[in-house]
Amino acid sequence: MPVIVAIVSPKGGAGKTTLTAGLAGAAAICGKSCTIIDLDPQASITNWSDRRDEADDKISVVSCQVGRMKKAIEAAAEADLIVIDTAGRNDNSALESARIADICLTPIRMVVSELETLSAVRDILATAGKSDAGFVVINGVHTGVGDKAIADMRKLIETDFSMPVLPCVITHRQDHPTAFNCGKTIFETSEIMGKAGAEMSEIYSFLGVE
């Protein structure tokens, strides 16, 4: 059975697609297959897939509406990992994805406007019955940000929003848009265990894909 991960955030630009592509790439370098289900009407991850030209690609992308999501998941039953990229707006894609997911990840940057979305995310998870399956990923951390600032952000999220935060963060690096723009994962355009790859691999290891 595949591990199903929903990337849940009601705000566009938080890093859902970056995280989705990164997790798929991390699975692929571990020899695992990943199906991405793209529920976002902007179809960013689907367009990324159209730019890929990898032979024997272990990453596949299915673009569909939320009403077809369960059928898409059934069709991907042989995959090791399924990642659902939800829409960056308040619609039912996040709720329906959370209902069916094993793990829900919410990327946020260290800005107030994104912190303020966590109450909505927490409510979505509670409605889906997945409060214990939701985790925050701190994304877009600039290299000048110190460990104390990250620790303070983690404590704020866990205290004020009662959501656990993964210990690993995603640093703001040019590797991510560079790879994405040419239909690659960060593992295909830079050193496999370079800094960007190491961060994404650490998040991937948390998923427990076997």
N, C-alpha and C. Protein backbone atom coordinates (compact mmCIF):
# COMPACT_ATOMS: atom_id res chain seq x y z
N MET A 1 0.83 -1.20 0.00
CA MET A 1 0.00 0.00 0.00
C MET A 1 0.87 1.25 0.00
N PRO A 2 0.54 2.22 -0.83
CA PRO A 2 1.34 3.45 -0.85
C PRO A 2 1.08 4.31 0.39
N VAL A 3 2.09 5.08 0.76
CA VAL A 3 1.90 6.13 1.75
C VAL A 3 1.29 7.32 1.03
N ILE A 4 0.20 7.86 1.56
CA ILE A 4 -0.49 8.99 0.93
C ILE A 4 -0.24 10.24 1.75
N VAL A 5 0.31 11.25 1.09
CA VAL A 5 0.64 12.51 1.74
C VAL A 5 -0.14 13.63 1.08
N ALA A 6 -0.85 14.42 1.87
CA ALA A 6 -1.55 15.59 1.34
C ALA A 6 -0.76 16.84 1.72
N ILE A 7 -0.51 17.69 0.74
CA ILE A 7 0.15 18.98 0.99
C ILE A 7 -0.95 20.01 1.12
N VAL A 8 -1.18 20.48 2.33
CA VAL A 8 -2.37 21.26 2.65
C VAL A 8 -2.00 22.68 3.08
N SER A 9 -2.48 23.65 2.34
CA SER A 9 -2.34 25.06 2.73
C SER A 9 -3.36 25.87 1.94
N PRO A 10 -4.12 26.72 2.62
CA PRO A 10 -5.09 27.54 1.89
C PRO A 10 -4.48 28.76 1.21
N LYS A 11 -3.17 28.92 1.32
CA LYS A 11 -2.51 30.11 0.78
C LYS A 11 -1.58 29.73 -0.37
N GLY A 12 -1.72 30.40 -1.49
CA GLY A 12 -0.81 30.19 -2.60
C GLY A 12 0.57 30.76 -2.29
N GLY A 13 1.60 30.17 -2.88
CA GLY A 13 2.95 30.67 -2.71
C GLY A 13 3.64 30.23 -1.45
N ALA A 14 3.01 29.32 -0.70
CA ALA A 14 3.61 28.87 0.56
C ALA A 14 4.70 27.83 0.35
N GLY A 15 4.71 27.20 -0.83
CA GLY A 15 5.74 26.20 -1.12
C GLY A 15 5.20 24.79 -1.30
N LYS A 16 3.89 24.67 -1.55
CA LYS A 16 3.31 23.33 -1.72
C LYS A 16 3.94 22.59 -2.90
N THR A 17 4.06 23.26 -4.02
CA THR A 17 4.57 22.60 -5.22
C THR A 17 6.05 22.27 -5.09
N THR A 18 6.81 23.15 -4.46
CA THR A 18 8.23 22.87 -4.19
C THR A 18 8.37 21.62 -3.34
N LEU A 19 7.56 21.53 -2.30
CA LEU A 19 7.61 20.37 -1.42
C LEU A 19 7.17 19.11 -2.15
N THR A 20 6.13 19.22 -2.96
CA THR A 20 5.63 18.07 -3.72
C THR A 20 6.70 17.51 -4.66
N ALA A 21 7.30 18.37 -5.45
CA ALA A 21 8.34 17.93 -6.39
C ALA A 21 9.55 17.38 -5.65
N GLY A 22 9.89 18.00 -4.53
CA GLY A 22 11.04 17.54 -3.76
C GLY A 22 10.84 16.16 -3.17
N LEU A 23 9.66 15.91 -2.63
CA LEU A 23 9.38 14.59 -2.06
C LEU A 23 9.36 13.52 -3.15
N ALA A 24 8.81 13.85 -4.31
CA ALA A 24 8.81 12.90 -5.43
C ALA A 24 10.23 12.58 -5.85
N GLY A 25 11.08 13.60 -5.92
CA GLY A 25 12.47 13.38 -6.28
C GLY A 25 13.21 12.55 -5.26
N ALA A 26 12.93 12.79 -3.99
CA ALA A 26 13.58 12.01 -2.92
C ALA A 26 13.17 10.55 -2.99
N ALA A 27 11.90 10.31 -3.31
CA ALA A 27 11.44 8.92 -3.47
C ALA A 27 12.16 8.26 -4.64
N ALA A 28 12.28 8.96 -5.74
CA ALA A 28 12.88 8.40 -6.95
C ALA A 28 14.33 7.99 -6.73
N ILE A 29 15.11 8.82 -6.02
CA ILE A 29 16.52 8.46 -5.83
C ILE A 29 16.67 7.30 -4.86
N CYS A 30 15.60 7.02 -4.11
CA CYS A 30 15.61 5.84 -3.23
C CYS A 30 15.05 4.61 -3.95
N GLY A 31 14.78 4.75 -5.25
CA GLY A 31 14.27 3.63 -6.03
C GLY A 31 12.80 3.39 -5.85
N LYS A 32 12.09 4.36 -5.31
CA LYS A 32 10.65 4.23 -5.08
C LYS A 32 9.87 5.00 -6.14
N SER A 33 8.67 4.52 -6.43
CA SER A 33 7.81 5.20 -7.40
C SER A 33 6.88 6.16 -6.68
N CYS A 34 6.60 7.27 -7.32
CA CYS A 34 5.73 8.29 -6.74
C CYS A 34 4.72 8.77 -7.77
N THR A 35 3.47 8.79 -7.37
CA THR A 35 2.42 9.41 -8.19
C THR A 35 1.99 10.70 -7.51
N ILE A 36 2.03 11.78 -8.26
CA ILE A 36 1.55 13.07 -7.77
C ILE A 36 0.15 13.29 -8.32
N ILE A 37 -0.78 13.63 -7.45
CA ILE A 37 -2.13 13.97 -7.87
C ILE A 37 -2.28 15.48 -7.75
N ASP A 38 -2.46 16.12 -8.87
CA ASP A 38 -2.50 17.59 -8.95
C ASP A 38 -3.95 18.05 -8.95
N LEU A 39 -4.39 18.62 -7.82
CA LEU A 39 -5.75 19.14 -7.70
C LEU A 39 -5.82 20.64 -7.89
N ASP A 40 -4.67 21.27 -8.10
CA ASP A 40 -4.62 22.72 -8.22
C ASP A 40 -5.02 23.13 -9.64
N PRO A 41 -6.03 23.98 -9.80
CA PRO A 41 -6.43 24.42 -11.15
C PRO A 41 -5.30 25.08 -11.93
N GLN A 42 -4.32 25.65 -11.24
CA GLN A 42 -3.18 26.25 -11.94
C GLN A 42 -2.30 25.21 -12.61
N ALA A 43 -2.40 23.95 -12.14
CA ALA A 43 -1.70 22.81 -12.75
C ALA A 43 -0.19 23.01 -12.85
N SER A 44 0.41 23.66 -11.87
CA SER A 44 1.85 23.93 -11.93
C SER A 44 2.67 22.65 -11.96
N ILE A 45 2.30 21.68 -11.14
CA ILE A 45 3.09 20.45 -11.08
C ILE A 45 2.84 19.59 -12.33
N THR A 46 1.65 19.70 -12.93
CA THR A 46 1.38 19.00 -14.18
C THR A 46 2.21 19.59 -15.31
N ASN A 47 2.29 20.91 -15.35
CA ASN A 47 3.12 21.56 -16.37
C ASN A 47 4.59 21.20 -16.19
N TRP A 48 5.01 21.10 -14.94
CA TRP A 48 6.39 20.66 -14.65
C TRP A 48 6.62 19.26 -15.21
N SER A 49 5.64 18.39 -15.01
CA SER A 49 5.76 17.02 -15.50
C SER A 49 5.87 16.99 -17.02
N ASP A 50 5.15 17.89 -17.69
CA ASP A 50 5.21 17.94 -19.16
C ASP A 50 6.61 18.32 -19.65
N ARG A 51 7.38 18.99 -18.82
CA ARG A 51 8.74 19.39 -19.20
C ARG A 51 9.77 18.31 -18.90
N ARG A 52 9.36 17.25 -18.24
CA ARG A 52 10.31 16.18 -17.89
C ARG A 52 10.61 15.31 -19.10
N ASP A 53 11.87 14.84 -19.18
CA ASP A 53 12.26 13.94 -20.25
C ASP A 53 13.12 12.81 -19.72
N GLU A 54 12.85 12.44 -18.46
CA GLU A 54 13.65 11.40 -17.82
C GLU A 54 13.27 10.02 -18.35
N ALA A 55 14.26 9.23 -18.69
CA ALA A 55 14.01 7.85 -19.08
C ALA A 55 13.71 7.03 -17.83
N ASP A 56 12.82 6.07 -17.96
CA ASP A 56 12.46 5.21 -16.82
C ASP A 56 12.07 6.06 -15.61
N ASP A 57 11.22 7.05 -15.84
CA ASP A 57 10.84 7.98 -14.79
C ASP A 57 9.99 7.29 -13.73
N LYS A 58 10.38 7.42 -12.48
CA LYS A 58 9.61 6.84 -11.38
C LYS A 58 8.55 7.80 -10.86
N ILE A 59 8.46 8.96 -11.49
CA ILE A 59 7.50 9.99 -11.07
C ILE A 59 6.43 10.14 -12.14
N SER A 60 5.18 10.02 -11.75
CA SER A 60 4.07 10.27 -12.66
C SER A 60 3.15 11.31 -12.03
N VAL A 61 2.46 12.06 -12.87
CA VAL A 61 1.57 13.12 -12.40
C VAL A 61 0.20 12.93 -13.04
N VAL A 62 -0.83 13.02 -12.20
CA VAL A 62 -2.21 12.94 -12.67
C VAL A 62 -2.91 14.23 -12.27
N SER A 63 -3.42 14.94 -13.25
CA SER A 63 -4.18 16.16 -12.98
C SER A 63 -5.66 15.82 -12.99
N CYS A 64 -6.37 16.17 -11.93
CA CYS A 64 -7.80 15.85 -11.88
C CYS A 64 -8.52 16.79 -10.92
N GLN A 65 -9.82 16.78 -10.98
CA GLN A 65 -10.64 17.50 -10.02
C GLN A 65 -10.81 16.64 -8.78
N VAL A 66 -11.19 17.30 -7.69
CA VAL A 66 -11.26 16.57 -6.42
C VAL A 66 -12.25 15.41 -6.49
N GLY A 67 -13.30 15.54 -7.30
CA GLY A 67 -14.28 14.47 -7.43
C GLY A 67 -13.72 13.19 -8.04
N ARG A 68 -12.58 13.30 -8.73
CA ARG A 68 -11.93 12.14 -9.36
C ARG A 68 -10.73 11.65 -8.57
N MET A 69 -10.47 12.28 -7.42
CA MET A 69 -9.25 11.96 -6.67
C MET A 69 -9.21 10.50 -6.22
N LYS A 70 -10.29 9.99 -5.70
CA LYS A 70 -10.28 8.61 -5.20
C LYS A 70 -9.99 7.62 -6.33
N LYS A 71 -10.55 7.88 -7.51
CA LYS A 71 -10.27 7.01 -8.66
C LYS A 71 -8.80 7.09 -9.03
N ALA A 72 -8.22 8.29 -8.97
CA ALA A 72 -6.80 8.45 -9.30
C ALA A 72 -5.93 7.72 -8.29
N ILE A 73 -6.32 7.74 -7.04
CA ILE A 73 -5.56 7.04 -6.01
C ILE A 73 -5.67 5.52 -6.21
N GLU A 74 -6.86 5.06 -6.53
CA GLU A 74 -7.02 3.62 -6.80
C GLU A 74 -6.15 3.18 -7.97
N ALA A 75 -6.03 4.02 -8.99
CA ALA A 75 -5.23 3.69 -10.17
C ALA A 75 -3.74 3.69 -9.85
N ALA A 76 -3.36 4.39 -8.77
CA ALA A 76 -1.95 4.49 -8.39
C ALA A 76 -1.60 3.54 -7.25
N ALA A 77 -2.38 2.49 -7.11
CA ALA A 77 -2.22 1.58 -5.97
C ALA A 77 -0.86 0.90 -5.93
N GLU A 78 -0.18 0.80 -7.07
CA GLU A 78 1.13 0.14 -7.11
C GLU A 78 2.27 1.10 -6.76
N ALA A 79 1.99 2.37 -6.63
CA ALA A 79 3.04 3.34 -6.29
C ALA A 79 3.46 3.16 -4.83
N ASP A 80 4.69 3.56 -4.54
CA ASP A 80 5.16 3.53 -3.16
C ASP A 80 4.72 4.76 -2.38
N LEU A 81 4.60 5.87 -3.09
CA LEU A 81 4.23 7.14 -2.47
C LEU A 81 3.24 7.87 -3.37
N ILE A 82 2.19 8.42 -2.78
CA ILE A 82 1.26 9.30 -3.47
C ILE A 82 1.29 10.65 -2.77
N VAL A 83 1.54 11.71 -3.53
CA VAL A 83 1.54 13.06 -2.96
C VAL A 83 0.42 13.84 -3.63
N ILE A 84 -0.46 14.42 -2.83
CA ILE A 84 -1.59 15.20 -3.34
C ILE A 84 -1.26 16.68 -3.18
N ASP A 85 -1.17 17.37 -4.31
CA ASP A 85 -0.91 18.81 -4.31
C ASP A 85 -2.25 19.53 -4.40
N THR A 86 -2.68 20.12 -3.29
CA THR A 86 -4.01 20.73 -3.24
C THR A 86 -3.98 22.16 -3.77
N ALA A 87 -5.17 22.72 -3.95
CA ALA A 87 -5.28 24.08 -4.46
C ALA A 87 -4.88 25.10 -3.39
N GLY A 88 -4.27 26.19 -3.82
CA GLY A 88 -3.87 27.24 -2.90
C GLY A 88 -4.99 28.23 -2.66
N ARG A 89 -6.11 27.73 -2.21
CA ARG A 89 -7.27 28.59 -1.94
C ARG A 89 -8.21 27.79 -1.06
N ASN A 90 -9.20 28.47 -0.53
CA ASN A 90 -10.17 27.80 0.33
C ASN A 90 -11.21 27.09 -0.52
N ASP A 91 -11.00 25.81 -0.78
CA ASP A 91 -12.01 24.99 -1.44
C ASP A 91 -11.99 23.63 -0.76
N ASN A 92 -12.70 22.67 -1.31
CA ASN A 92 -12.81 21.38 -0.62
C ASN A 92 -11.68 20.43 -0.94
N SER A 93 -10.72 20.82 -1.77
CA SER A 93 -9.64 19.91 -2.12
C SER A 93 -8.78 19.58 -0.91
N ALA A 94 -8.52 20.57 -0.05
CA ALA A 94 -7.70 20.32 1.13
C ALA A 94 -8.41 19.38 2.09
N LEU A 95 -9.70 19.62 2.31
CA LEU A 95 -10.46 18.77 3.23
C LEU A 95 -10.55 17.34 2.73
N GLU A 96 -10.90 17.16 1.47
CA GLU A 96 -11.05 15.80 0.93
C GLU A 96 -9.71 15.08 0.86
N SER A 97 -8.64 15.82 0.60
CA SER A 97 -7.31 15.21 0.59
C SER A 97 -6.89 14.78 1.98
N ALA A 98 -7.17 15.64 2.97
CA ALA A 98 -6.83 15.30 4.35
C ALA A 98 -7.58 14.05 4.81
N ARG A 99 -8.81 13.92 4.38
CA ARG A 99 -9.61 12.75 4.78
C ARG A 99 -8.95 11.44 4.36
N ILE A 100 -8.33 11.44 3.19
CA ILE A 100 -7.82 10.19 2.62
C ILE A 100 -6.33 9.98 2.88
N ALA A 101 -5.65 11.02 3.38
CA ALA A 101 -4.19 10.96 3.53
C ALA A 101 -3.77 10.26 4.83
N ASP A 102 -2.57 9.70 4.79
CA ASP A 102 -1.94 9.17 6.00
C ASP A 102 -1.24 10.28 6.77
N ILE A 103 -0.66 11.23 6.04
CA ILE A 103 0.09 12.34 6.61
C ILE A 103 -0.30 13.61 5.87
N CYS A 104 -0.46 14.71 6.60
CA CYS A 104 -0.73 16.01 5.99
C CYS A 104 0.41 16.96 6.34
N LEU A 105 1.02 17.54 5.33
CA LEU A 105 2.12 18.48 5.53
C LEU A 105 1.68 19.87 5.09
N THR A 106 1.98 20.86 5.93
CA THR A 106 1.64 22.24 5.61
C THR A 106 2.91 23.08 5.60
N PRO A 107 3.39 23.46 4.42
CA PRO A 107 4.56 24.34 4.36
C PRO A 107 4.16 25.78 4.64
N ILE A 108 4.95 26.47 5.45
CA ILE A 108 4.72 27.90 5.67
C ILE A 108 6.06 28.61 5.70
N ARG A 109 6.06 29.85 5.25
CA ARG A 109 7.23 30.69 5.38
C ARG A 109 7.15 31.47 6.69
N MET A 110 8.25 32.06 7.08
CA MET A 110 8.33 32.73 8.37
C MET A 110 7.78 34.16 8.28
N VAL A 111 6.51 34.26 7.90
CA VAL A 111 5.84 35.55 7.79
C VAL A 111 4.47 35.45 8.45
N VAL A 112 3.99 36.56 9.00
CA VAL A 112 2.76 36.57 9.77
C VAL A 112 1.56 36.11 8.94
N SER A 113 1.49 36.55 7.69
CA SER A 113 0.33 36.22 6.86
C SER A 113 0.17 34.72 6.66
N GLU A 114 1.26 33.98 6.70
CA GLU A 114 1.16 32.53 6.56
C GLU A 114 0.90 31.85 7.89
N LEU A 115 1.45 32.41 8.96
CA LEU A 115 1.11 31.89 10.28
C LEU A 115 -0.40 31.97 10.52
N GLU A 116 -1.00 33.04 10.04
CA GLU A 116 -2.43 33.25 10.27
C GLU A 116 -3.30 32.22 9.56
N THR A 117 -2.75 31.50 8.59
CA THR A 117 -3.53 30.47 7.90
C THR A 117 -3.60 29.16 8.69
N LEU A 118 -2.77 29.03 9.73
CA LEU A 118 -2.69 27.76 10.44
C LEU A 118 -3.97 27.43 11.20
N SER A 119 -4.71 28.45 11.62
CA SER A 119 -5.99 28.18 12.28
C SER A 119 -6.93 27.47 11.32
N ALA A 120 -6.95 27.93 10.06
CA ALA A 120 -7.80 27.29 9.05
C ALA A 120 -7.33 25.87 8.77
N VAL A 121 -6.01 25.68 8.70
CA VAL A 121 -5.48 24.33 8.46
C VAL A 121 -5.86 23.41 9.61
N ARG A 122 -5.70 23.90 10.82
CA ARG A 122 -6.05 23.09 12.00
C ARG A 122 -7.52 22.69 11.96
N ASP A 123 -8.40 23.61 11.54
CA ASP A 123 -9.83 23.31 11.45
C ASP A 123 -10.10 22.27 10.37
N ILE A 124 -9.40 22.39 9.24
CA ILE A 124 -9.55 21.40 8.16
C ILE A 124 -9.17 20.01 8.66
N LEU A 125 -8.05 19.92 9.35
CA LEU A 125 -7.59 18.62 9.85
C LEU A 125 -8.57 18.05 10.88
N ALA A 126 -9.09 18.91 11.74
CA ALA A 126 -10.05 18.45 12.75
C ALA A 126 -11.32 17.93 12.08
N THR A 127 -11.82 18.63 11.08
CA THR A 127 -13.02 18.21 10.37
C THR A 127 -12.79 16.89 9.65
N ALA A 128 -11.58 16.72 9.13
CA ALA A 128 -11.25 15.47 8.42
C ALA A 128 -10.94 14.32 9.37
N GLY A 129 -10.86 14.61 10.66
CA GLY A 129 -10.49 13.58 11.63
C GLY A 129 -9.02 13.22 11.58
N LYS A 130 -8.19 14.20 11.16
CA LYS A 130 -6.76 13.94 10.99
C LYS A 130 -5.89 14.92 11.78
N SER A 131 -6.39 15.36 12.94
CA SER A 131 -5.61 16.31 13.75
C SER A 131 -4.25 15.75 14.12
N ASP A 132 -4.18 14.44 14.35
CA ASP A 132 -2.91 13.82 14.76
C ASP A 132 -1.99 13.54 13.57
N ALA A 133 -2.48 13.76 12.35
CA ALA A 133 -1.69 13.44 11.16
C ALA A 133 -1.09 14.68 10.51
N GLY A 134 -1.32 15.85 11.09
CA GLY A 134 -0.86 17.09 10.47
C GLY A 134 0.44 17.60 11.04
N PHE A 135 1.33 18.04 10.16
CA PHE A 135 2.64 18.56 10.56
C PHE A 135 2.97 19.78 9.72
N VAL A 136 3.65 20.73 10.34
CA VAL A 136 4.07 21.95 9.65
C VAL A 136 5.52 21.79 9.20
N VAL A 137 5.81 22.28 7.99
CA VAL A 137 7.18 22.33 7.47
C VAL A 137 7.53 23.80 7.28
N ILE A 138 8.55 24.27 7.98
CA ILE A 138 8.99 25.66 7.81
C ILE A 138 9.78 25.75 6.51
N ASN A 139 9.32 26.63 5.63
CA ASN A 139 9.83 26.69 4.26
C ASN A 139 10.40 28.08 3.96
N GLY A 140 11.28 28.13 2.96
CA GLY A 140 11.77 29.41 2.48
C GLY A 140 12.62 30.17 3.47
N VAL A 141 13.34 29.42 4.31
CA VAL A 141 14.17 30.06 5.34
C VAL A 141 15.43 30.65 4.69
N HIS A 142 15.65 31.93 4.86
CA HIS A 142 16.82 32.57 4.27
C HIS A 142 18.08 32.17 5.04
N THR A 143 19.17 32.10 4.32
CA THR A 143 20.40 31.57 4.91
C THR A 143 20.90 32.39 6.10
N GLY A 144 20.50 33.65 6.19
CA GLY A 144 20.94 34.48 7.30
C GLY A 144 20.14 34.29 8.58
N VAL A 145 19.07 33.52 8.50
CA VAL A 145 18.23 33.29 9.68
C VAL A 145 18.92 32.30 10.61
N GLY A 146 19.05 32.67 11.86
CA GLY A 146 19.76 31.82 12.82
C GLY A 146 18.89 30.73 13.41
N ASP A 147 19.54 29.79 14.08
CA ASP A 147 18.84 28.66 14.69
C ASP A 147 17.83 29.13 15.74
N LYS A 148 18.15 30.19 16.47
CA LYS A 148 17.24 30.67 17.51
C LYS A 148 15.93 31.17 16.91
N ALA A 149 16.01 31.89 15.79
CA ALA A 149 14.79 32.39 15.15
C ALA A 149 13.91 31.24 14.68
N ILE A 150 14.54 30.21 14.15
CA ILE A 150 13.78 29.03 13.70
C ILE A 150 13.16 28.33 14.90
N ALA A 151 13.92 28.20 15.98
CA ALA A 151 13.40 27.55 17.19
C ALA A 151 12.24 28.35 17.78
N ASP A 152 12.34 29.67 17.74
CA ASP A 152 11.25 30.52 18.25
C ASP A 152 10.00 30.35 17.39
N MET A 153 10.17 30.27 16.08
CA MET A 153 9.04 30.06 15.18
C MET A 153 8.38 28.71 15.45
N ARG A 154 9.21 27.69 15.61
CA ARG A 154 8.69 26.35 15.89
C ARG A 154 7.88 26.36 17.21
N LYS A 155 8.42 27.00 18.23
CA LYS A 155 7.74 27.06 19.52
C LYS A 155 6.42 27.81 19.41
N LEU A 156 6.41 28.91 18.65
CA LEU A 156 5.20 29.70 18.46
C LEU A 156 4.10 28.87 17.80
N ILE A 157 4.46 28.14 16.77
CA ILE A 157 3.48 27.32 16.05
C ILE A 157 2.93 26.22 16.96
N GLU A 158 3.82 25.57 17.67
CA GLU A 158 3.39 24.46 18.52
C GLU A 158 2.58 24.93 19.72
N THR A 159 2.90 26.13 20.23
CA THR A 159 2.19 26.65 21.40
C THR A 159 0.87 27.30 21.03
N ASP A 160 0.89 28.18 20.03
CA ASP A 160 -0.31 28.96 19.70
C ASP A 160 -1.28 28.22 18.80
N PHE A 161 -0.79 27.28 17.99
CA PHE A 161 -1.66 26.59 17.04
C PHE A 161 -1.77 25.09 17.31
N SER A 162 -1.04 24.61 18.28
CA SER A 162 -1.09 23.19 18.68
C SER A 162 -0.84 22.26 17.50
N MET A 163 0.11 22.65 16.65
CA MET A 163 0.49 21.81 15.52
C MET A 163 1.97 21.46 15.62
N PRO A 164 2.33 20.19 15.50
CA PRO A 164 3.74 19.83 15.55
C PRO A 164 4.49 20.30 14.31
N VAL A 165 5.75 20.61 14.48
CA VAL A 165 6.59 21.12 13.40
C VAL A 165 7.73 20.14 13.16
N LEU A 166 7.97 19.78 11.91
CA LEU A 166 9.08 18.88 11.61
C LEU A 166 10.40 19.57 11.99
N PRO A 167 11.36 18.80 12.47
CA PRO A 167 12.64 19.39 12.88
C PRO A 167 13.47 19.92 11.71
N CYS A 168 13.21 19.41 10.50
CA CYS A 168 13.94 19.86 9.32
C CYS A 168 13.21 21.00 8.64
N VAL A 169 13.97 21.93 8.06
CA VAL A 169 13.38 23.07 7.36
C VAL A 169 13.82 23.04 5.90
N ILE A 170 13.15 23.84 5.07
CA ILE A 170 13.55 24.01 3.68
C ILE A 170 14.13 25.41 3.54
N THR A 171 15.40 25.48 3.24
CA THR A 171 16.07 26.76 3.09
C THR A 171 15.78 27.34 1.71
N HIS A 172 15.66 28.65 1.65
CA HIS A 172 15.45 29.33 0.37
C HIS A 172 16.72 29.20 -0.47
N ARG A 173 16.63 28.40 -1.53
CA ARG A 173 17.79 28.17 -2.40
C ARG A 173 17.35 28.27 -3.85
N GLN A 174 18.24 28.76 -4.70
CA GLN A 174 17.95 28.88 -6.12
C GLN A 174 17.80 27.52 -6.78
N ASP A 175 18.34 26.48 -6.14
CA ASP A 175 18.24 25.12 -6.70
C ASP A 175 16.80 24.73 -7.02
N HIS A 176 15.87 25.13 -6.16
CA HIS A 176 14.48 24.70 -6.34
C HIS A 176 13.84 25.28 -7.60
N PRO A 177 13.81 26.61 -7.79
CA PRO A 177 13.21 27.12 -9.03
C PRO A 177 14.00 26.75 -10.27
N THR A 178 15.32 26.64 -10.16
CA THR A 178 16.13 26.26 -11.31
C THR A 178 15.73 24.87 -11.81
N ALA A 179 15.62 23.93 -10.88
CA ALA A 179 15.22 22.57 -11.25
C ALA A 179 13.79 22.54 -11.78
N PHE A 180 12.90 23.23 -11.10
CA PHE A 180 11.48 23.20 -11.47
C PHE A 180 11.26 23.75 -12.87
N ASN A 181 11.97 24.81 -13.19
CA ASN A 181 11.76 25.48 -14.48
C ASN A 181 12.12 24.58 -15.67
N CYS A 182 13.02 23.63 -15.45
CA CYS A 182 13.41 22.75 -16.56
C CYS A 182 12.87 21.33 -16.40
N GLY A 183 11.86 21.17 -15.53
CA GLY A 183 11.22 19.87 -15.40
C GLY A 183 12.05 18.84 -14.68
N LYS A 184 12.89 19.29 -13.78
CA LYS A 184 13.76 18.39 -13.02
C LYS A 184 13.41 18.44 -11.54
N THR A 185 13.91 17.47 -10.80
CA THR A 185 13.90 17.57 -9.34
C THR A 185 15.25 18.11 -8.91
N ILE A 186 15.34 18.55 -7.68
CA ILE A 186 16.62 19.08 -7.20
C ILE A 186 17.70 18.02 -7.20
N PHE A 187 17.31 16.77 -7.17
CA PHE A 187 18.29 15.68 -7.18
C PHE A 187 18.86 15.44 -8.57
N GLU A 188 18.22 16.00 -9.58
CA GLU A 188 18.64 15.80 -10.96
C GLU A 188 19.44 16.97 -11.52
N THR A 189 19.51 18.06 -10.77
CA THR A 189 20.22 19.25 -11.27
C THR A 189 21.36 19.69 -10.37
N SER A 190 21.49 19.09 -9.21
CA SER A 190 22.57 19.45 -8.29
C SER A 190 23.06 18.18 -7.61
N GLU A 191 24.03 18.31 -6.73
CA GLU A 191 24.54 17.14 -6.03
C GLU A 191 23.39 16.46 -5.28
N ILE A 192 23.31 15.14 -5.40
CA ILE A 192 22.21 14.41 -4.79
C ILE A 192 22.10 14.71 -3.30
N MET A 193 23.20 14.74 -2.63
CA MET A 193 23.15 15.04 -1.21
C MET A 193 23.76 16.41 -0.92
N GLY A 194 23.55 17.34 -1.85
CA GLY A 194 23.86 18.73 -1.56
C GLY A 194 22.89 19.24 -0.50
N LYS A 195 23.01 20.50 -0.16
CA LYS A 195 22.21 21.02 0.96
C LYS A 195 20.72 20.93 0.69
N ALA A 196 20.30 21.31 -0.52
CA ALA A 196 18.87 21.26 -0.84
C ALA A 196 18.35 19.83 -0.82
N GLY A 197 19.11 18.92 -1.41
CA GLY A 197 18.71 17.52 -1.43
C GLY A 197 18.68 16.89 -0.05
N ALA A 198 19.66 17.25 0.78
CA ALA A 198 19.71 16.70 2.13
C ALA A 198 18.49 17.12 2.94
N GLU A 199 18.08 18.37 2.78
CA GLU A 199 16.90 18.84 3.51
C GLU A 199 15.66 18.08 3.07
N MET A 200 15.48 17.92 1.77
CA MET A 200 14.29 17.24 1.27
C MET A 200 14.33 15.75 1.62
N SER A 201 15.50 15.17 1.62
CA SER A 201 15.62 13.75 1.98
C SER A 201 15.25 13.53 3.44
N GLU A 202 15.58 14.50 4.28
CA GLU A 202 15.24 14.38 5.70
C GLU A 202 13.72 14.42 5.90
N ILE A 203 13.05 15.29 5.15
CA ILE A 203 11.59 15.33 5.23
C ILE A 203 11.00 14.04 4.70
N TYR A 204 11.53 13.54 3.59
CA TYR A 204 11.05 12.29 2.99
C TYR A 204 11.19 11.14 3.97
N SER A 205 12.31 11.09 4.70
CA SER A 205 12.54 9.98 5.64
C SER A 205 11.48 9.93 6.72
N PHE A 206 10.89 11.07 7.02
CA PHE A 206 9.84 11.14 8.04
C PHE A 206 8.58 10.40 7.59
N LEU A 207 8.37 10.25 6.30
CA LEU A 207 7.13 9.68 5.77
C LEU A 207 7.02 8.18 6.00
N GLY A 208 8.14 7.51 6.17
CA GLY A 208 8.12 6.08 6.44
C GLY A 208 7.77 5.23 5.22
N VAL A 209 8.19 5.69 4.03
CA VAL A 209 7.94 4.91 2.82
C VAL A 209 8.82 3.67 2.83
N GLU A 210 8.23 2.51 2.61
CA GLU A 210 9.00 1.25 2.64
C GLU A 210 9.08 0.64 1.25
